């Protein structure tokens, strides 16, 4: 019960922090002047879908495009797991969706491969920005807060993906299923071996 209370308090704190920052973003948006954006709704919608969801602005550079796509898709899809984490944390359940059987194993396995992909893509982005010194990141507009902001985001994403894989690697019940933990079992073999040894 204590762990559930702590989880709920941390969740509420996170929601509060998100709301605080969201209000600041909304306030800054409202500084702009109103403009008519009601013309050509179909064209505008398609442009938004291609640029925001399809990452087409990156298509001219194949490698960054693929890396961005992995990070974007990985984060969107892995967020499905957040729903289970929230339910388990609040109600004290464990792997509440495990009853889905083979489909659940497929989802967990997919999440793990995506998490590894996001981890690697973010690491490559950090190297490109801070080690290789590419020309497109050397302009004045890419210094100071734009650089630090990007680094903070990339490091946070790496930590989140590491936490996800560590969670699976330390999950005795998931290891007992012997399904879905392809990356975590390989990345953390000592943890997986000890858990299996204890169950035997």
Foldseek 3Di string as FASTA:
>chain_A
DVQLVVLVVVVVVVVVVVVVVVVVVVVVVVVDDDDDPPPPVVVVVVVCCCVVVVVVVCVVPPVLSVLVNLQVVLVVLLCVVVVVVNVCSNVVDDPVVCVVPPVVLVSLLVNLVSLVSNLVSLVVVCCVQPPVPDPVCPDPVNDDPVVVVSNVVSVVSNVVSVVSLVVCLQDLVNLVVVGNNVPSCVVCVVSSVVSVVVVD
